[in-house]
Amino acid sequence: MTVAACGGSPAAPHGPTTANVAVQPADVPSAMVKCDLSGDINNFIKQEQTPDPNASKTTATEWQDAKKNGATNAYVALYTDSSQHCSAVKSSSADLSAATYKLVVNFVIQFKDEKSAVTGYKSDNTVFGFSASTLRSGGNAVQEGTATGLTANSIVLSRPVGDQTFYIAVWQNKAFMVILAILNLDPAASKKVAGAENGRIK
């Protein structure tokens, strides 16, 4: 009663969340749309159960493993250049690595503390199919550390493959680990997306 009378309200949580760190509509070209698969990791797993049960199961397993290593929250953001391509992303037959359309796949994982996030980044285990070690082992030239424009614990693979352009970044900042895969945007635009996302981790 006293709080209400004084116009008080419950304190909002401090600091960034996985949802507001994740790629936002303003980060990507205006023609791109946010897919309805985007959301909290548990929502993503649930929505994938019918169209792609294998992806749902794999993601659920990797999320359980991440939680054992200190992860507390995760958010998935997906953007493409049309609602039809959003539907295609859901399909079990979709090979996203072969997509010829613009596509942004973003996982943001929050750990209980910075130490756990550093361990998560440096681990050889993949998180949602990605890790710094797998990017290094692919035989492709990568940038690491401050050269990426992100953080000391960061790795970026940026290269054209045939008619496609790939930009894949994995980095750790404070208690967050971010995985960002962008297909078929020019390198400068992709780097801008990563920089905007990293800038929200304060």
N, C-alpha and C. Protein backbone atom coordinates (compact mmCIF):
# COMPACT_ATOMS: atom_id res chain seq x y z
N MET A 1 0.83 -1.20 0.00
CA MET A 1 0.00 0.00 0.00
C MET A 1 0.87 1.25 0.00
N THR A 2 1.90 1.24 0.84
CA THR A 2 2.79 2.40 0.94
C THR A 2 3.51 2.64 -0.39
N VAL A 3 3.99 1.55 -1.00
CA VAL A 3 4.70 1.68 -2.28
C VAL A 3 3.77 2.26 -3.34
N ALA A 4 2.54 1.73 -3.39
CA ALA A 4 1.58 2.21 -4.38
C ALA A 4 1.25 3.68 -4.15
N ALA A 5 1.11 4.06 -2.90
CA ALA A 5 0.76 5.44 -2.58
C ALA A 5 1.87 6.39 -2.98
N CYS A 6 3.09 5.92 -2.92
CA CYS A 6 4.23 6.78 -3.27
C CYS A 6 4.56 6.73 -4.76
N GLY A 7 3.76 5.96 -5.52
CA GLY A 7 3.99 5.89 -6.95
C GLY A 7 5.17 5.01 -7.32
N GLY A 8 5.60 4.13 -6.42
CA GLY A 8 6.74 3.27 -6.69
C GLY A 8 6.36 2.09 -7.56
N SER A 9 7.35 1.42 -8.08
CA SER A 9 7.11 0.22 -8.88
C SER A 9 8.31 -0.71 -8.69
N PRO A 10 8.13 -2.01 -8.97
CA PRO A 10 9.24 -2.95 -8.81
C PRO A 10 10.42 -2.52 -9.68
N ALA A 11 11.62 -2.71 -9.17
CA ALA A 11 12.82 -2.32 -9.90
C ALA A 11 13.00 -3.20 -11.12
N ALA A 12 13.32 -2.59 -12.24
CA ALA A 12 13.57 -3.34 -13.46
C ALA A 12 14.95 -4.00 -13.36
N PRO A 13 15.12 -5.16 -14.00
CA PRO A 13 16.43 -5.81 -13.94
C PRO A 13 17.50 -4.92 -14.57
N HIS A 14 18.67 -4.91 -13.97
CA HIS A 14 19.76 -4.09 -14.48
C HIS A 14 20.54 -4.81 -15.55
N GLY A 15 21.11 -4.04 -16.45
CA GLY A 15 21.99 -4.62 -17.45
C GLY A 15 21.26 -5.21 -18.64
N PRO A 16 22.01 -5.58 -19.66
CA PRO A 16 21.42 -6.11 -20.88
C PRO A 16 20.84 -7.52 -20.69
N THR A 17 19.89 -7.86 -21.52
CA THR A 17 19.33 -9.22 -21.55
C THR A 17 19.64 -9.84 -22.91
N THR A 18 19.45 -11.14 -23.00
CA THR A 18 19.71 -11.80 -24.28
C THR A 18 18.82 -11.24 -25.38
N ALA A 19 17.58 -10.90 -25.04
CA ALA A 19 16.64 -10.40 -26.05
C ALA A 19 17.05 -9.03 -26.57
N ASN A 20 17.54 -8.14 -25.69
CA ASN A 20 17.89 -6.81 -26.21
C ASN A 20 19.32 -6.73 -26.74
N VAL A 21 20.16 -7.73 -26.45
CA VAL A 21 21.47 -7.80 -27.08
C VAL A 21 21.34 -8.34 -28.51
N ALA A 22 20.43 -9.28 -28.72
CA ALA A 22 20.27 -9.94 -30.01
C ALA A 22 20.04 -8.94 -31.14
N VAL A 23 20.28 -9.39 -32.37
CA VAL A 23 20.09 -8.54 -33.54
C VAL A 23 18.68 -7.96 -33.55
N GLN A 24 18.60 -6.66 -33.76
CA GLN A 24 17.33 -5.92 -33.78
C GLN A 24 17.00 -5.53 -35.22
N PRO A 25 15.71 -5.28 -35.51
CA PRO A 25 15.32 -4.89 -36.88
C PRO A 25 16.12 -3.70 -37.42
N ALA A 26 16.48 -2.76 -36.56
CA ALA A 26 17.22 -1.59 -37.02
C ALA A 26 18.66 -1.92 -37.42
N ASP A 27 19.15 -3.09 -37.02
CA ASP A 27 20.53 -3.48 -37.34
C ASP A 27 20.68 -3.97 -38.78
N VAL A 28 19.60 -4.48 -39.35
CA VAL A 28 19.67 -5.13 -40.66
C VAL A 28 19.02 -4.26 -41.73
N PRO A 29 19.28 -4.52 -43.01
CA PRO A 29 18.63 -3.74 -44.06
C PRO A 29 17.12 -3.72 -43.91
N SER A 30 16.50 -2.61 -44.27
CA SER A 30 15.07 -2.40 -44.00
C SER A 30 14.17 -3.42 -44.68
N ALA A 31 14.63 -4.03 -45.77
CA ALA A 31 13.78 -5.00 -46.48
C ALA A 31 13.73 -6.36 -45.78
N MET A 32 14.59 -6.57 -44.78
CA MET A 32 14.62 -7.87 -44.12
C MET A 32 13.53 -7.96 -43.05
N VAL A 33 13.02 -9.16 -42.83
CA VAL A 33 11.94 -9.38 -41.86
C VAL A 33 12.41 -10.33 -40.77
N LYS A 34 11.87 -10.12 -39.57
CA LYS A 34 12.19 -11.00 -38.45
C LYS A 34 11.27 -12.20 -38.48
N CYS A 35 11.84 -13.39 -38.46
CA CYS A 35 11.05 -14.62 -38.55
C CYS A 35 10.40 -14.96 -37.21
N ASP A 36 9.25 -15.64 -37.28
CA ASP A 36 8.53 -15.95 -36.04
C ASP A 36 9.19 -17.05 -35.22
N LEU A 37 10.22 -17.69 -35.77
CA LEU A 37 11.00 -18.64 -34.96
C LEU A 37 11.83 -17.91 -33.90
N SER A 38 12.02 -16.62 -34.10
CA SER A 38 12.82 -15.83 -33.15
C SER A 38 12.17 -15.84 -31.77
N GLY A 39 13.02 -15.81 -30.76
CA GLY A 39 12.50 -15.74 -29.40
C GLY A 39 13.39 -16.48 -28.41
N ASP A 40 12.89 -16.61 -27.21
CA ASP A 40 13.57 -17.35 -26.16
C ASP A 40 13.92 -18.76 -26.66
N ILE A 41 15.04 -19.29 -26.21
CA ILE A 41 15.51 -20.59 -26.71
C ILE A 41 14.47 -21.69 -26.52
N ASN A 42 13.73 -21.66 -25.42
CA ASN A 42 12.72 -22.70 -25.20
C ASN A 42 11.57 -22.58 -26.19
N ASN A 43 11.22 -21.34 -26.55
CA ASN A 43 10.21 -21.12 -27.57
C ASN A 43 10.69 -21.62 -28.93
N PHE A 44 11.95 -21.36 -29.24
CA PHE A 44 12.54 -21.81 -30.50
C PHE A 44 12.49 -23.33 -30.60
N ILE A 45 12.90 -24.01 -29.53
CA ILE A 45 12.90 -25.47 -29.50
C ILE A 45 11.49 -26.01 -29.70
N LYS A 46 10.51 -25.38 -29.04
CA LYS A 46 9.11 -25.82 -29.14
C LYS A 46 8.57 -25.63 -30.55
N GLN A 47 8.88 -24.48 -31.15
CA GLN A 47 8.36 -24.19 -32.50
C GLN A 47 8.97 -25.08 -33.57
N GLU A 48 10.17 -25.57 -33.33
CA GLU A 48 10.85 -26.43 -34.31
C GLU A 48 10.41 -27.89 -34.21
N GLN A 49 9.67 -28.26 -33.16
CA GLN A 49 9.36 -29.67 -32.94
C GLN A 49 8.60 -30.30 -34.10
N THR A 50 7.64 -29.57 -34.67
CA THR A 50 6.83 -30.15 -35.75
C THR A 50 7.52 -30.06 -37.11
N PRO A 51 7.98 -28.88 -37.53
CA PRO A 51 8.60 -28.82 -38.87
C PRO A 51 9.95 -29.51 -38.95
N ASP A 52 10.70 -29.52 -37.86
CA ASP A 52 12.06 -30.10 -37.91
C ASP A 52 12.42 -30.70 -36.55
N PRO A 53 11.84 -31.89 -36.26
CA PRO A 53 12.06 -32.51 -34.94
C PRO A 53 13.53 -32.79 -34.63
N ASN A 54 14.33 -33.10 -35.65
CA ASN A 54 15.75 -33.38 -35.40
C ASN A 54 16.48 -32.12 -34.94
N ALA A 55 16.20 -30.99 -35.59
CA ALA A 55 16.83 -29.73 -35.19
C ALA A 55 16.39 -29.34 -33.79
N SER A 56 15.11 -29.57 -33.48
CA SER A 56 14.60 -29.26 -32.16
C SER A 56 15.31 -30.09 -31.09
N LYS A 57 15.46 -31.38 -31.37
CA LYS A 57 16.11 -32.29 -30.40
C LYS A 57 17.58 -31.91 -30.21
N THR A 58 18.28 -31.65 -31.31
CA THR A 58 19.69 -31.29 -31.23
C THR A 58 19.89 -30.01 -30.45
N THR A 59 19.05 -29.00 -30.75
CA THR A 59 19.15 -27.72 -30.05
C THR A 59 18.86 -27.89 -28.57
N ALA A 60 17.85 -28.70 -28.24
CA ALA A 60 17.50 -28.93 -26.84
C ALA A 60 18.66 -29.59 -26.10
N THR A 61 19.33 -30.55 -26.73
CA THR A 61 20.47 -31.23 -26.12
C THR A 61 21.62 -30.25 -25.88
N GLU A 62 21.91 -29.44 -26.90
CA GLU A 62 23.02 -28.49 -26.77
C GLU A 62 22.70 -27.42 -25.72
N TRP A 63 21.43 -27.05 -25.60
CA TRP A 63 21.05 -26.08 -24.59
C TRP A 63 21.21 -26.68 -23.19
N GLN A 64 20.84 -27.94 -23.02
CA GLN A 64 21.03 -28.58 -21.72
C GLN A 64 22.51 -28.64 -21.36
N ASP A 65 23.36 -28.94 -22.35
CA ASP A 65 24.81 -28.98 -22.10
C ASP A 65 25.33 -27.60 -21.72
N ALA A 66 24.84 -26.57 -22.42
CA ALA A 66 25.28 -25.21 -22.12
C ALA A 66 24.89 -24.82 -20.70
N LYS A 67 23.70 -25.23 -20.28
CA LYS A 67 23.25 -24.89 -18.91
C LYS A 67 24.13 -25.56 -17.86
N LYS A 68 24.59 -26.77 -18.16
CA LYS A 68 25.49 -27.45 -17.23
C LYS A 68 26.79 -26.68 -17.06
N ASN A 69 27.14 -25.90 -18.09
CA ASN A 69 28.38 -25.12 -18.06
C ASN A 69 28.15 -23.67 -17.66
N GLY A 70 26.98 -23.38 -17.09
CA GLY A 70 26.75 -22.05 -16.53
C GLY A 70 25.84 -21.14 -17.31
N ALA A 71 25.33 -21.58 -18.47
CA ALA A 71 24.40 -20.74 -19.23
C ALA A 71 23.08 -20.61 -18.47
N THR A 72 22.51 -19.41 -18.49
CA THR A 72 21.26 -19.18 -17.76
C THR A 72 20.12 -18.78 -18.68
N ASN A 73 20.42 -18.11 -19.79
CA ASN A 73 19.38 -17.68 -20.73
C ASN A 73 19.95 -17.72 -22.15
N ALA A 74 19.06 -17.86 -23.12
CA ALA A 74 19.49 -17.78 -24.52
C ALA A 74 18.33 -17.26 -25.36
N TYR A 75 18.68 -16.57 -26.42
CA TYR A 75 17.69 -15.98 -27.33
C TYR A 75 18.15 -16.24 -28.75
N VAL A 76 17.19 -16.52 -29.63
CA VAL A 76 17.47 -16.77 -31.04
C VAL A 76 16.80 -15.68 -31.86
N ALA A 77 17.56 -15.06 -32.77
CA ALA A 77 16.99 -14.07 -33.69
C ALA A 77 17.28 -14.51 -35.12
N LEU A 78 16.23 -14.58 -35.93
CA LEU A 78 16.36 -15.00 -37.33
C LEU A 78 15.72 -13.95 -38.22
N TYR A 79 16.45 -13.55 -39.25
CA TYR A 79 15.94 -12.59 -40.23
C TYR A 79 16.23 -13.11 -41.64
N THR A 80 15.27 -12.91 -42.55
CA THR A 80 15.50 -13.18 -43.97
C THR A 80 14.89 -12.04 -44.77
N ASP A 81 14.94 -12.18 -46.10
CA ASP A 81 14.44 -11.10 -46.94
C ASP A 81 12.98 -11.27 -47.34
N SER A 82 12.29 -12.30 -46.82
CA SER A 82 10.86 -12.47 -47.12
C SER A 82 10.23 -13.45 -46.14
N SER A 83 8.91 -13.35 -46.00
CA SER A 83 8.20 -14.29 -45.12
C SER A 83 8.26 -15.71 -45.68
N GLN A 84 8.32 -15.83 -47.02
CA GLN A 84 8.44 -17.16 -47.63
C GLN A 84 9.76 -17.82 -47.22
N HIS A 85 10.83 -17.04 -47.17
CA HIS A 85 12.11 -17.61 -46.77
C HIS A 85 12.12 -17.92 -45.27
N CYS A 86 11.37 -17.17 -44.49
CA CYS A 86 11.22 -17.51 -43.06
C CYS A 86 10.60 -18.90 -42.93
N SER A 87 9.61 -19.18 -43.76
CA SER A 87 8.97 -20.50 -43.74
C SER A 87 9.96 -21.58 -44.16
N ALA A 88 10.79 -21.25 -45.15
CA ALA A 88 11.78 -22.21 -45.63
C ALA A 88 12.80 -22.56 -44.55
N VAL A 89 13.14 -21.58 -43.72
CA VAL A 89 14.13 -21.79 -42.65
C VAL A 89 13.64 -22.86 -41.67
N LYS A 90 12.32 -22.92 -41.46
CA LYS A 90 11.75 -23.88 -40.51
C LYS A 90 11.84 -25.32 -40.99
N SER A 91 11.88 -25.50 -42.30
CA SER A 91 11.75 -26.83 -42.88
C SER A 91 12.91 -27.75 -42.52
N SER A 92 12.59 -29.02 -42.34
CA SER A 92 13.63 -30.01 -42.02
C SER A 92 14.55 -30.25 -43.22
N SER A 93 14.06 -29.89 -44.42
CA SER A 93 14.86 -30.10 -45.63
C SER A 93 15.75 -28.90 -45.96
N ALA A 94 15.63 -27.84 -45.15
CA ALA A 94 16.39 -26.61 -45.44
C ALA A 94 17.87 -26.81 -45.14
N ASP A 95 18.70 -26.48 -46.11
CA ASP A 95 20.15 -26.46 -45.91
C ASP A 95 20.54 -24.99 -45.88
N LEU A 96 20.59 -24.42 -44.67
CA LEU A 96 20.80 -22.98 -44.55
C LEU A 96 22.15 -22.55 -45.11
N SER A 97 23.11 -23.45 -45.07
CA SER A 97 24.43 -23.09 -45.59
C SER A 97 24.41 -22.91 -47.11
N ALA A 98 23.35 -23.41 -47.76
CA ALA A 98 23.24 -23.28 -49.21
C ALA A 98 22.27 -22.16 -49.62
N ALA A 99 21.76 -21.43 -48.66
CA ALA A 99 20.78 -20.38 -48.95
C ALA A 99 21.39 -19.32 -49.87
N THR A 100 20.62 -18.92 -50.86
CA THR A 100 21.08 -17.88 -51.79
C THR A 100 20.43 -16.54 -51.47
N TYR A 101 19.56 -16.52 -50.46
CA TYR A 101 18.90 -15.29 -50.04
C TYR A 101 19.60 -14.71 -48.80
N LYS A 102 19.25 -13.49 -48.47
CA LYS A 102 19.83 -12.86 -47.28
C LYS A 102 19.29 -13.54 -46.03
N LEU A 103 20.18 -13.86 -45.11
CA LEU A 103 19.80 -14.60 -43.91
C LEU A 103 20.70 -14.21 -42.74
N VAL A 104 20.07 -13.96 -41.60
CA VAL A 104 20.80 -13.69 -40.36
C VAL A 104 20.35 -14.71 -39.32
N VAL A 105 21.29 -15.45 -38.76
CA VAL A 105 21.01 -16.41 -37.68
C VAL A 105 21.85 -15.98 -36.48
N ASN A 106 21.18 -15.72 -35.36
CA ASN A 106 21.86 -15.15 -34.20
C ASN A 106 21.44 -15.87 -32.92
N PHE A 107 22.43 -16.38 -32.19
CA PHE A 107 22.19 -16.95 -30.86
C PHE A 107 22.93 -16.09 -29.84
N VAL A 108 22.24 -15.68 -28.80
CA VAL A 108 22.87 -14.95 -27.71
C VAL A 108 22.68 -15.76 -26.44
N ILE A 109 23.79 -16.11 -25.80
CA ILE A 109 23.74 -16.93 -24.58
C ILE A 109 24.28 -16.10 -23.42
N GLN A 110 23.52 -16.05 -22.35
CA GLN A 110 23.98 -15.36 -21.14
C GLN A 110 24.38 -16.42 -20.12
N PHE A 111 25.57 -16.24 -19.53
CA PHE A 111 26.07 -17.15 -18.51
C PHE A 111 25.91 -16.53 -17.13
N LYS A 112 26.09 -17.34 -16.11
CA LYS A 112 25.92 -16.86 -14.74
C LYS A 112 26.95 -15.81 -14.37
N ASP A 113 28.11 -15.85 -15.04
CA ASP A 113 29.15 -14.85 -14.78
C ASP A 113 30.12 -14.82 -15.96
N GLU A 114 31.02 -13.85 -15.94
CA GLU A 114 31.95 -13.68 -17.05
C GLU A 114 32.90 -14.88 -17.19
N LYS A 115 33.32 -15.43 -16.07
CA LYS A 115 34.24 -16.57 -16.11
C LYS A 115 33.62 -17.74 -16.88
N SER A 116 32.35 -18.02 -16.63
CA SER A 116 31.67 -19.11 -17.33
C SER A 116 31.56 -18.82 -18.82
N ALA A 117 31.32 -17.55 -19.17
CA ALA A 117 31.21 -17.16 -20.58
C ALA A 117 32.55 -17.34 -21.29
N VAL A 118 33.64 -16.98 -20.62
CA VAL A 118 34.98 -17.16 -21.21
C VAL A 118 35.24 -18.65 -21.45
N THR A 119 34.89 -19.47 -20.45
CA THR A 119 35.07 -20.92 -20.59
C THR A 119 34.24 -21.45 -21.76
N GLY A 120 33.00 -20.95 -21.88
CA GLY A 120 32.13 -21.36 -22.98
C GLY A 120 32.73 -21.01 -24.33
N TYR A 121 33.31 -19.82 -24.43
CA TYR A 121 33.92 -19.39 -25.69
C TYR A 121 35.14 -20.24 -26.04
N LYS A 122 35.95 -20.54 -25.04
CA LYS A 122 37.21 -21.25 -25.28
C LYS A 122 37.05 -22.76 -25.39
N SER A 123 35.87 -23.27 -25.06
CA SER A 123 35.63 -24.71 -25.11
C SER A 123 35.65 -25.23 -26.54
N ASP A 124 36.08 -26.46 -26.72
CA ASP A 124 36.05 -27.10 -28.03
C ASP A 124 34.65 -27.59 -28.38
N ASN A 125 33.74 -27.62 -27.38
CA ASN A 125 32.38 -28.08 -27.63
C ASN A 125 31.60 -27.03 -28.39
N THR A 126 30.82 -27.46 -29.38
CA THR A 126 30.01 -26.50 -30.12
C THR A 126 28.80 -26.08 -29.28
N VAL A 127 28.39 -24.86 -29.47
CA VAL A 127 27.18 -24.34 -28.86
C VAL A 127 26.27 -23.97 -30.03
N PHE A 128 25.14 -24.70 -30.16
CA PHE A 128 24.23 -24.51 -31.29
C PHE A 128 24.95 -24.64 -32.63
N GLY A 129 25.90 -25.58 -32.67
CA GLY A 129 26.57 -25.91 -33.92
C GLY A 129 27.79 -25.07 -34.24
N PHE A 130 28.14 -24.14 -33.36
CA PHE A 130 29.27 -23.26 -33.63
C PHE A 130 30.23 -23.23 -32.44
N SER A 131 31.50 -22.99 -32.74
CA SER A 131 32.49 -22.70 -31.70
C SER A 131 33.69 -22.06 -32.36
N ALA A 132 34.50 -21.38 -31.57
CA ALA A 132 35.71 -20.77 -32.11
C ALA A 132 36.63 -21.84 -32.70
N SER A 133 36.72 -22.98 -32.02
CA SER A 133 37.63 -24.03 -32.48
C SER A 133 37.19 -24.63 -33.82
N THR A 134 35.87 -24.76 -34.04
CA THR A 134 35.42 -25.31 -35.33
C THR A 134 35.68 -24.32 -36.46
N LEU A 135 35.58 -23.03 -36.20
CA LEU A 135 35.89 -22.05 -37.23
C LEU A 135 37.38 -22.09 -37.58
N ARG A 136 38.21 -22.26 -36.56
CA ARG A 136 39.65 -22.35 -36.81
C ARG A 136 40.01 -23.60 -37.61
N SER A 137 39.33 -24.69 -37.33
CA SER A 137 39.71 -25.99 -37.91
C SER A 137 39.22 -26.19 -39.32
N GLY A 138 38.44 -25.25 -39.84
CA GLY A 138 37.87 -25.44 -41.17
C GLY A 138 38.84 -25.18 -42.30
N GLY A 139 40.04 -24.71 -41.97
CA GLY A 139 41.02 -24.45 -43.01
C GLY A 139 40.87 -23.10 -43.68
N ASN A 140 39.91 -22.30 -43.22
CA ASN A 140 39.70 -20.98 -43.79
C ASN A 140 40.45 -19.92 -42.99
N ALA A 141 40.81 -18.85 -43.65
CA ALA A 141 41.47 -17.74 -42.95
C ALA A 141 40.46 -17.04 -42.05
N VAL A 142 40.84 -16.83 -40.82
CA VAL A 142 39.96 -16.15 -39.86
C VAL A 142 40.69 -14.97 -39.23
N GLN A 143 39.91 -14.05 -38.68
CA GLN A 143 40.46 -12.98 -37.85
C GLN A 143 40.13 -13.32 -36.41
N GLU A 144 41.04 -12.99 -35.50
CA GLU A 144 40.77 -13.24 -34.08
C GLU A 144 41.16 -12.03 -33.24
N GLY A 145 40.52 -11.93 -32.08
CA GLY A 145 40.86 -10.87 -31.14
C GLY A 145 40.47 -9.48 -31.63
N THR A 146 41.24 -8.49 -31.23
CA THR A 146 40.89 -7.10 -31.53
C THR A 146 40.82 -6.80 -33.02
N ALA A 147 41.46 -7.62 -33.85
CA ALA A 147 41.40 -7.41 -35.30
C ALA A 147 39.99 -7.54 -35.85
N THR A 148 39.11 -8.22 -35.10
CA THR A 148 37.73 -8.39 -35.56
C THR A 148 36.89 -7.14 -35.37
N GLY A 149 37.37 -6.23 -34.51
CA GLY A 149 36.56 -5.06 -34.16
C GLY A 149 35.55 -5.35 -33.06
N LEU A 150 35.64 -6.55 -32.47
CA LEU A 150 34.68 -6.95 -31.44
C LEU A 150 35.35 -6.96 -30.06
N THR A 151 35.84 -8.12 -29.62
CA THR A 151 36.44 -8.23 -28.29
C THR A 151 37.72 -9.06 -28.38
N ALA A 152 38.44 -9.14 -27.26
CA ALA A 152 39.66 -9.95 -27.22
C ALA A 152 39.35 -11.42 -27.48
N ASN A 153 38.21 -11.88 -26.97
CA ASN A 153 37.78 -13.27 -27.22
C ASN A 153 36.76 -13.26 -28.35
N SER A 154 37.26 -13.21 -29.58
CA SER A 154 36.36 -13.18 -30.73
C SER A 154 37.05 -13.79 -31.94
N ILE A 155 36.24 -14.33 -32.84
CA ILE A 155 36.75 -14.90 -34.08
C ILE A 155 35.74 -14.63 -35.18
N VAL A 156 36.23 -14.25 -36.35
CA VAL A 156 35.37 -13.95 -37.49
C VAL A 156 35.88 -14.65 -38.74
N LEU A 157 34.96 -15.30 -39.42
CA LEU A 157 35.22 -15.87 -40.73
C LEU A 157 34.36 -15.10 -41.73
N SER A 158 34.99 -14.45 -42.69
CA SER A 158 34.26 -13.66 -43.68
C SER A 158 34.84 -13.95 -45.05
N ARG A 159 34.02 -14.56 -45.91
CA ARG A 159 34.54 -14.92 -47.24
C ARG A 159 33.40 -15.22 -48.21
N PRO A 160 33.66 -15.03 -49.49
CA PRO A 160 32.70 -15.45 -50.51
C PRO A 160 32.91 -16.92 -50.84
N VAL A 161 31.82 -17.62 -51.13
CA VAL A 161 31.89 -19.01 -51.59
C VAL A 161 30.94 -19.12 -52.77
N GLY A 162 31.49 -19.18 -53.97
CA GLY A 162 30.65 -19.21 -55.16
C GLY A 162 29.81 -17.95 -55.24
N ASP A 163 28.49 -18.13 -55.32
CA ASP A 163 27.59 -16.99 -55.40
C ASP A 163 27.16 -16.49 -54.02
N GLN A 164 27.72 -17.07 -52.98
CA GLN A 164 27.32 -16.71 -51.62
C GLN A 164 28.41 -15.90 -50.91
N THR A 165 27.96 -15.19 -49.88
CA THR A 165 28.89 -14.49 -49.00
C THR A 165 28.59 -14.92 -47.57
N PHE A 166 29.63 -15.34 -46.85
CA PHE A 166 29.47 -15.78 -45.46
C PHE A 166 30.17 -14.82 -44.51
N TYR A 167 29.51 -14.50 -43.41
CA TYR A 167 30.14 -13.77 -42.31
C TYR A 167 29.71 -14.51 -41.05
N ILE A 168 30.67 -15.13 -40.37
CA ILE A 168 30.36 -15.87 -39.14
C ILE A 168 31.25 -15.34 -38.03
N ALA A 169 30.62 -14.91 -36.96
CA ALA A 169 31.36 -14.37 -35.81
C ALA A 169 30.92 -15.07 -34.54
N VAL A 170 31.89 -15.41 -33.71
CA VAL A 170 31.62 -15.96 -32.38
C VAL A 170 32.47 -15.14 -31.42
N TRP A 171 31.80 -14.60 -30.37
CA TRP A 171 32.59 -13.81 -29.41
C TRP A 171 31.99 -13.84 -28.02
N GLN A 172 32.84 -13.48 -27.08
CA GLN A 172 32.45 -13.39 -25.67
C GLN A 172 32.68 -11.96 -25.19
N ASN A 173 31.68 -11.42 -24.53
CA ASN A 173 31.77 -10.08 -23.96
C ASN A 173 31.05 -10.11 -22.62
N LYS A 174 31.78 -9.85 -21.55
CA LYS A 174 31.22 -9.92 -20.19
C LYS A 174 30.60 -11.30 -19.97
N ALA A 175 29.33 -11.38 -19.56
CA ALA A 175 28.73 -12.69 -19.28
C ALA A 175 28.01 -13.27 -20.49
N PHE A 176 28.24 -12.69 -21.67
CA PHE A 176 27.53 -13.13 -22.87
C PHE A 176 28.47 -13.81 -23.87
N MET A 177 27.92 -14.79 -24.55
CA MET A 177 28.57 -15.39 -25.72
C MET A 177 27.60 -15.22 -26.89
N VAL A 178 28.12 -14.72 -28.00
CA VAL A 178 27.28 -14.43 -29.15
C VAL A 178 27.74 -15.24 -30.36
N ILE A 179 26.78 -15.79 -31.07
CA ILE A 179 27.03 -16.50 -32.32
C ILE A 179 26.21 -15.80 -33.40
N LEU A 180 26.88 -15.32 -34.42
CA LEU A 180 26.22 -14.56 -35.48
C LEU A 180 26.65 -15.10 -36.83
N ALA A 181 25.70 -15.61 -37.59
CA ALA A 181 25.98 -16.10 -38.94
C ALA A 181 25.13 -15.30 -39.92
N ILE A 182 25.79 -14.66 -40.88
CA ILE A 182 25.09 -13.82 -41.86
C ILE A 182 25.46 -14.31 -43.25
N LEU A 183 24.44 -14.56 -44.06
CA LEU A 183 24.66 -15.00 -45.43
C LEU A 183 24.16 -13.93 -46.41
N ASN A 184 24.99 -13.66 -47.40
CA ASN A 184 24.61 -12.86 -48.56
C ASN A 184 24.31 -11.39 -48.28
N LEU A 185 24.94 -10.86 -47.23
CA LEU A 185 25.02 -9.41 -47.04
C LEU A 185 26.46 -9.02 -47.32
N ASP A 186 26.68 -7.80 -47.77
CA ASP A 186 28.06 -7.42 -48.04
C ASP A 186 28.83 -7.34 -46.73
N PRO A 187 30.14 -7.56 -46.76
CA PRO A 187 30.95 -7.64 -45.54
C PRO A 187 30.82 -6.41 -44.63
N ALA A 188 30.73 -5.22 -45.21
CA ALA A 188 30.63 -4.01 -44.39
C ALA A 188 29.32 -3.99 -43.61
N ALA A 189 28.22 -4.39 -44.26
CA ALA A 189 26.92 -4.43 -43.59
C ALA A 189 26.93 -5.49 -42.48
N SER A 190 27.56 -6.64 -42.76
CA SER A 190 27.63 -7.71 -41.76
C SER A 190 28.42 -7.26 -40.54
N LYS A 191 29.53 -6.61 -40.79
CA LYS A 191 30.37 -6.12 -39.69
C LYS A 191 29.62 -5.09 -38.86
N LYS A 192 28.81 -4.28 -39.52
CA LYS A 192 28.01 -3.27 -38.82
C LYS A 192 26.98 -3.93 -37.89
N VAL A 193 26.37 -5.02 -38.36
CA VAL A 193 25.41 -5.76 -37.52
C VAL A 193 26.10 -6.26 -36.26
N ALA A 194 27.27 -6.88 -36.44
CA ALA A 194 28.02 -7.42 -35.30
C ALA A 194 28.41 -6.31 -34.33
N GLY A 195 28.88 -5.18 -34.86
CA GLY A 195 29.28 -4.08 -34.00
C GLY A 195 28.13 -3.49 -33.20
N ALA A 196 26.97 -3.38 -33.84
CA ALA A 196 25.80 -2.86 -33.14
C ALA A 196 25.39 -3.80 -32.01
N GLU A 197 25.43 -5.09 -32.29
CA GLU A 197 25.05 -6.08 -31.28
C GLU A 197 26.04 -6.05 -30.10
N ASN A 198 27.31 -6.05 -30.43
CA ASN A 198 28.32 -6.05 -29.37
C ASN A 198 28.23 -4.78 -28.53
N GLY A 199 27.87 -3.67 -29.16
CA GLY A 199 27.77 -2.40 -28.45
C GLY A 199 26.66 -2.35 -27.40
N ARG A 200 25.71 -3.28 -27.50
CA ARG A 200 24.61 -3.30 -26.52
C ARG A 200 24.99 -4.08 -25.25
N ILE A 201 26.14 -4.73 -25.27
CA ILE A 201 26.57 -5.45 -24.07
C ILE A 201 27.37 -4.47 -23.21
N LYS A 202 26.72 -3.90 -22.21
CA LYS A 202 27.35 -2.86 -21.39
C LYS A 202 27.33 -3.24 -19.92
